[in-house]
N, C-alpha and C. Protein backbone atom coordinates (compact mmCIF):
# COMPACT_ATOMS: atom_id res chain seq x y z
N MET A 1 104.44 -22.51 150.95
CA MET A 1 103.02 -22.66 151.24
C MET A 1 102.30 -22.86 149.91
N ALA A 2 101.44 -23.84 149.86
CA ALA A 2 100.68 -24.13 148.65
C ALA A 2 99.70 -22.99 148.36
N GLY A 3 99.60 -22.62 147.10
CA GLY A 3 98.67 -21.57 146.70
C GLY A 3 99.17 -20.16 146.98
N GLU A 4 100.46 -20.03 147.26
CA GLU A 4 101.03 -18.73 147.64
C GLU A 4 100.79 -17.66 146.58
N ALA A 5 100.97 -18.00 145.31
CA ALA A 5 100.78 -17.02 144.24
C ALA A 5 99.32 -16.58 144.15
N ALA A 6 98.41 -17.50 144.29
CA ALA A 6 96.98 -17.17 144.23
C ALA A 6 96.56 -16.31 145.41
N LEU A 7 97.18 -16.48 146.56
CA LEU A 7 96.84 -15.71 147.75
C LEU A 7 97.09 -14.22 147.52
N GLY A 8 98.18 -13.88 146.84
CA GLY A 8 98.47 -12.48 146.53
C GLY A 8 97.36 -11.86 145.69
N GLY A 9 96.83 -12.61 144.73
CA GLY A 9 95.74 -12.12 143.90
C GLY A 9 94.47 -11.88 144.69
N VAL A 10 94.16 -12.77 145.63
CA VAL A 10 92.97 -12.63 146.46
C VAL A 10 93.07 -11.37 147.32
N ILE A 11 94.24 -11.17 147.92
CA ILE A 11 94.45 -9.98 148.76
C ILE A 11 94.35 -8.71 147.94
N LYS A 12 94.96 -8.71 146.75
CA LYS A 12 94.92 -7.52 145.90
C LYS A 12 93.48 -7.22 145.45
N ASP A 13 92.72 -8.25 145.07
CA ASP A 13 91.33 -8.04 144.66
C ASP A 13 90.50 -7.43 145.79
N ALA A 14 90.68 -7.96 147.01
CA ALA A 14 89.93 -7.42 148.16
C ALA A 14 90.32 -5.98 148.43
N LYS A 15 91.61 -5.67 148.32
CA LYS A 15 92.08 -4.30 148.55
C LYS A 15 91.49 -3.35 147.52
N GLU A 16 91.47 -3.76 146.26
CA GLU A 16 90.94 -2.90 145.20
C GLU A 16 89.43 -2.69 145.35
N GLN A 17 88.71 -3.72 145.78
CA GLN A 17 87.27 -3.57 146.00
C GLN A 17 87.00 -2.57 147.12
N LEU A 18 87.77 -2.66 148.19
CA LEU A 18 87.61 -1.72 149.30
C LEU A 18 88.00 -0.31 148.88
N ARG A 19 89.06 -0.19 148.13
CA ARG A 19 89.52 1.12 147.67
C ARG A 19 88.50 1.78 146.74
N ALA A 20 87.72 0.99 146.00
CA ALA A 20 86.75 1.53 145.05
C ALA A 20 85.52 2.12 145.74
N LEU A 21 85.30 1.79 147.00
CA LEU A 21 84.14 2.33 147.72
C LEU A 21 84.35 3.82 148.02
N PRO A 22 83.28 4.61 148.02
CA PRO A 22 83.43 6.05 148.24
C PRO A 22 83.96 6.39 149.63
N ASP A 23 83.56 5.67 150.65
CA ASP A 23 84.03 5.91 152.01
C ASP A 23 84.12 4.55 152.70
N PRO A 24 85.22 3.83 152.49
CA PRO A 24 85.31 2.44 152.93
C PRO A 24 85.03 2.21 154.42
N LEU A 25 85.53 3.09 155.29
CA LEU A 25 85.32 2.89 156.72
C LEU A 25 83.84 3.00 157.08
N SER A 26 83.19 4.04 156.58
CA SER A 26 81.77 4.21 156.87
C SER A 26 80.95 3.07 156.28
N TYR A 27 81.34 2.59 155.11
CA TYR A 27 80.62 1.48 154.49
C TYR A 27 80.65 0.27 155.41
N GLY A 28 81.81 -0.07 155.94
CA GLY A 28 81.92 -1.23 156.82
C GLY A 28 81.13 -1.05 158.10
N LEU A 29 81.21 0.13 158.69
CA LEU A 29 80.45 0.39 159.92
C LEU A 29 78.96 0.32 159.66
N LEU A 30 78.53 0.91 158.57
CA LEU A 30 77.12 0.92 158.22
C LEU A 30 76.62 -0.49 157.95
N ARG A 31 77.42 -1.27 157.23
CA ARG A 31 76.98 -2.60 156.85
C ARG A 31 76.90 -3.56 158.03
N TYR A 32 77.86 -3.53 158.91
CA TYR A 32 77.94 -4.56 159.94
C TYR A 32 77.46 -4.12 161.32
N LEU A 33 77.35 -2.83 161.58
CA LEU A 33 76.97 -2.39 162.92
C LEU A 33 75.61 -1.72 162.99
N ASN A 34 74.95 -1.50 161.87
CA ASN A 34 73.65 -0.85 161.86
C ASN A 34 72.61 -1.84 161.35
N ASP A 35 71.76 -2.32 162.26
CA ASP A 35 70.74 -3.31 161.89
C ASP A 35 69.64 -2.73 161.00
N ASN A 36 69.50 -1.42 160.96
CA ASN A 36 68.44 -0.78 160.19
C ASN A 36 68.79 -0.60 158.72
N VAL A 37 70.01 -0.92 158.33
CA VAL A 37 70.46 -0.72 156.95
C VAL A 37 70.78 -2.08 156.35
N ASP A 38 70.26 -2.32 155.16
CA ASP A 38 70.53 -3.57 154.46
C ASP A 38 71.27 -3.25 153.17
N LEU A 39 72.57 -3.49 153.15
CA LEU A 39 73.36 -3.22 151.96
C LEU A 39 73.58 -4.51 151.19
N ASP A 40 73.43 -4.43 149.89
CA ASP A 40 73.67 -5.59 149.05
C ASP A 40 75.16 -5.86 148.96
N GLY A 41 75.48 -7.05 148.59
CA GLY A 41 76.88 -7.41 148.39
C GLY A 41 77.24 -8.65 149.17
N THR A 42 78.33 -9.25 148.75
CA THR A 42 78.79 -10.47 149.41
C THR A 42 79.61 -10.12 150.64
N ASP A 43 79.78 -11.09 151.50
CA ASP A 43 80.65 -10.91 152.66
C ASP A 43 82.09 -10.80 152.19
N PRO A 44 82.95 -10.17 152.98
CA PRO A 44 84.33 -9.97 152.55
C PRO A 44 85.08 -11.30 152.42
N ALA A 45 86.02 -11.33 151.49
CA ALA A 45 86.80 -12.54 151.24
C ALA A 45 87.91 -12.71 152.28
N ILE A 46 88.31 -11.62 152.92
CA ILE A 46 89.44 -11.67 153.85
C ILE A 46 88.99 -11.22 155.24
N ALA A 47 89.37 -11.99 156.25
CA ALA A 47 89.15 -11.59 157.64
C ALA A 47 90.50 -11.27 158.25
N PHE A 48 90.60 -10.15 158.95
CA PHE A 48 91.84 -9.74 159.59
C PHE A 48 91.60 -9.65 161.09
N ASN A 49 92.38 -10.38 161.86
CA ASN A 49 92.24 -10.41 163.31
C ASN A 49 93.54 -9.90 163.92
N TYR A 50 93.51 -8.67 164.45
CA TYR A 50 94.69 -8.09 165.08
C TYR A 50 94.69 -8.48 166.55
N LEU A 51 95.72 -9.20 166.97
CA LEU A 51 95.79 -9.73 168.32
C LEU A 51 96.39 -8.76 169.32
N GLY A 52 96.85 -7.61 168.85
CA GLY A 52 97.41 -6.60 169.74
C GLY A 52 98.92 -6.65 169.79
N ARG A 53 99.46 -5.91 170.73
CA ARG A 53 100.91 -5.81 170.88
C ARG A 53 101.36 -6.75 171.98
N MET A 54 102.34 -7.59 171.66
CA MET A 54 102.85 -8.56 172.62
C MET A 54 104.29 -8.21 172.96
N ARG A 55 104.54 -7.98 174.23
CA ARG A 55 105.89 -7.64 174.67
C ARG A 55 106.61 -8.92 175.07
N MET A 56 107.84 -9.07 174.61
CA MET A 56 108.64 -10.25 174.91
C MET A 56 109.89 -9.81 175.67
N GLY A 57 110.45 -10.73 176.41
CA GLY A 57 111.69 -10.45 177.13
C GLY A 57 111.45 -10.42 178.62
N GLY A 58 112.43 -10.94 179.38
CA GLY A 58 112.33 -10.92 180.83
C GLY A 58 111.14 -11.73 181.32
N ALA A 59 110.45 -11.19 182.31
CA ALA A 59 109.30 -11.88 182.90
C ALA A 59 108.16 -12.01 181.91
N ALA A 60 108.08 -11.07 180.96
CA ALA A 60 106.99 -11.12 179.98
C ALA A 60 107.09 -12.37 179.12
N THR A 61 108.33 -12.83 178.84
CA THR A 61 108.50 -14.03 178.03
C THR A 61 107.91 -15.24 178.75
N ALA A 62 108.18 -15.35 180.04
CA ALA A 62 107.64 -16.48 180.81
C ALA A 62 106.11 -16.44 180.82
N VAL A 63 105.54 -15.27 180.99
CA VAL A 63 104.08 -15.13 180.98
C VAL A 63 103.55 -15.49 179.61
N SER A 64 104.20 -14.97 178.55
CA SER A 64 103.75 -15.23 177.19
C SER A 64 103.77 -16.72 176.87
N GLU A 65 104.84 -17.41 177.26
CA GLU A 65 104.95 -18.83 176.98
C GLU A 65 103.88 -19.62 177.72
N SER A 66 103.49 -19.18 178.91
CA SER A 66 102.45 -19.91 179.64
C SER A 66 101.06 -19.64 179.05
N LEU A 67 100.88 -18.50 178.36
CA LEU A 67 99.59 -18.19 177.76
C LEU A 67 99.39 -18.90 176.43
N TRP A 68 100.46 -19.14 175.68
CA TRP A 68 100.36 -19.70 174.34
C TRP A 68 100.90 -21.12 174.33
N ARG A 69 100.07 -22.04 174.73
CA ARG A 69 100.46 -23.45 174.70
C ARG A 69 99.22 -24.28 174.39
N VAL A 70 99.45 -25.49 173.95
CA VAL A 70 98.34 -26.40 173.64
C VAL A 70 97.82 -26.99 174.94
N CYS A 71 96.51 -26.92 175.13
CA CYS A 71 95.94 -27.49 176.35
C CYS A 71 95.96 -29.02 176.24
N PRO A 72 95.95 -29.73 177.37
CA PRO A 72 96.00 -31.19 177.33
C PRO A 72 94.87 -31.80 176.50
N GLU A 73 93.71 -31.16 176.48
CA GLU A 73 92.59 -31.68 175.71
C GLU A 73 92.60 -31.16 174.27
N GLY A 74 93.61 -30.40 173.92
CA GLY A 74 93.65 -29.70 172.63
C GLY A 74 93.42 -30.59 171.43
N LEU A 75 94.11 -31.72 171.38
CA LEU A 75 94.00 -32.57 170.20
C LEU A 75 92.61 -33.19 170.08
N SER A 76 92.01 -33.61 171.18
CA SER A 76 90.68 -34.20 171.10
C SER A 76 89.63 -33.14 170.75
N VAL A 77 89.80 -31.93 171.28
CA VAL A 77 88.88 -30.84 170.96
C VAL A 77 89.00 -30.48 169.48
N ALA A 78 90.25 -30.37 169.00
CA ALA A 78 90.46 -30.03 167.59
C ALA A 78 89.91 -31.12 166.69
N GLY A 79 90.08 -32.37 167.08
CA GLY A 79 89.56 -33.47 166.28
C GLY A 79 88.04 -33.42 166.19
N ALA A 80 87.39 -33.14 167.30
CA ALA A 80 85.93 -33.04 167.30
C ALA A 80 85.46 -31.86 166.47
N ALA A 81 86.18 -30.75 166.56
CA ALA A 81 85.78 -29.56 165.80
C ALA A 81 85.95 -29.77 164.31
N THR A 82 87.02 -30.43 163.90
CA THR A 82 87.23 -30.64 162.47
C THR A 82 86.35 -31.74 161.91
N ALA A 83 85.81 -32.60 162.75
CA ALA A 83 84.92 -33.65 162.28
C ALA A 83 83.55 -33.11 161.93
N THR A 84 83.22 -31.93 162.44
CA THR A 84 81.92 -31.32 162.17
C THR A 84 82.04 -30.42 160.94
N PRO A 85 81.33 -30.74 159.84
CA PRO A 85 81.43 -29.89 158.65
C PRO A 85 80.84 -28.50 158.90
N MET A 86 81.63 -27.48 158.60
CA MET A 86 81.18 -26.10 158.77
C MET A 86 81.60 -25.29 157.55
N PRO A 87 80.76 -24.37 157.12
CA PRO A 87 81.13 -23.54 155.97
C PRO A 87 82.24 -22.56 156.35
N LEU A 88 83.09 -22.24 155.39
CA LEU A 88 84.12 -21.24 155.62
C LEU A 88 83.48 -19.86 155.62
N THR A 89 83.87 -19.02 156.56
CA THR A 89 83.31 -17.68 156.62
C THR A 89 84.09 -16.71 155.75
N HIS A 90 85.34 -17.01 155.46
CA HIS A 90 86.18 -16.15 154.63
C HIS A 90 87.12 -17.02 153.79
N THR A 91 87.54 -16.49 152.66
CA THR A 91 88.51 -17.19 151.83
C THR A 91 89.86 -17.21 152.52
N VAL A 92 90.23 -16.09 153.14
CA VAL A 92 91.52 -15.97 153.83
C VAL A 92 91.27 -15.42 155.23
N LEU A 93 91.87 -16.04 156.23
CA LEU A 93 91.82 -15.53 157.61
C LEU A 93 93.25 -15.22 158.03
N LEU A 94 93.52 -13.97 158.35
CA LEU A 94 94.86 -13.53 158.72
C LEU A 94 94.86 -13.07 160.17
N ASN A 95 95.63 -13.76 161.01
CA ASN A 95 95.83 -13.37 162.40
C ASN A 95 97.20 -12.70 162.49
N ALA A 96 97.25 -11.53 163.10
CA ALA A 96 98.52 -10.80 163.19
C ALA A 96 98.62 -10.11 164.54
N GLY A 97 99.85 -9.86 164.94
CA GLY A 97 100.10 -9.12 166.17
C GLY A 97 101.43 -8.41 166.08
N ALA A 98 101.59 -7.37 166.86
CA ALA A 98 102.85 -6.64 166.92
C ALA A 98 103.67 -7.22 168.06
N VAL A 99 104.92 -7.58 167.76
CA VAL A 99 105.82 -8.17 168.75
C VAL A 99 106.98 -7.22 168.96
N ASP A 100 107.26 -6.88 170.21
CA ASP A 100 108.40 -6.03 170.53
C ASP A 100 109.68 -6.84 170.40
N THR A 101 110.64 -6.31 169.64
CA THR A 101 111.95 -6.93 169.49
C THR A 101 113.00 -5.90 169.85
N GLU A 102 114.26 -6.32 169.89
CA GLU A 102 115.34 -5.37 170.18
C GLU A 102 115.43 -4.30 169.10
N ALA A 103 115.03 -4.63 167.88
CA ALA A 103 115.06 -3.67 166.76
C ALA A 103 113.81 -2.81 166.71
N GLY A 104 112.88 -3.02 167.62
CA GLY A 104 111.63 -2.27 167.62
C GLY A 104 110.45 -3.19 167.35
N PRO A 105 109.24 -2.66 167.34
CA PRO A 105 108.06 -3.50 167.11
C PRO A 105 108.03 -4.05 165.69
N ARG A 106 107.61 -5.30 165.56
CA ARG A 106 107.49 -5.95 164.26
C ARG A 106 106.12 -6.60 164.17
N LEU A 107 105.51 -6.50 163.01
CA LEU A 107 104.21 -7.13 162.78
C LEU A 107 104.46 -8.58 162.38
N ARG A 108 103.83 -9.50 163.09
CA ARG A 108 103.95 -10.93 162.78
C ARG A 108 102.58 -11.46 162.42
N ALA A 109 102.52 -12.28 161.38
CA ALA A 109 101.25 -12.85 160.95
C ALA A 109 101.40 -14.35 160.75
């Protein structure tokens, strides 16, 4: 993947910034969920989207495969969406989910 070495630095910088806060969880809740408080600072560089736990195997595999497929209009919709210039909301967007395997649950990103 291009830029792989730089990605590690971005993740480490974001982690260190969060770790430097006195109470990171409360800071995030206060900043994004309380309209009465205005905290200075830039938006986070990394977005993390946890998709939940996905069970595979047996009937669940058939259901999972039917849920995760490209829709017939997918390419035209994607083309229209990418033709519209939009600002990036984060430097890095990470989608992850836990997948059940024979060896136990594994985090996939």
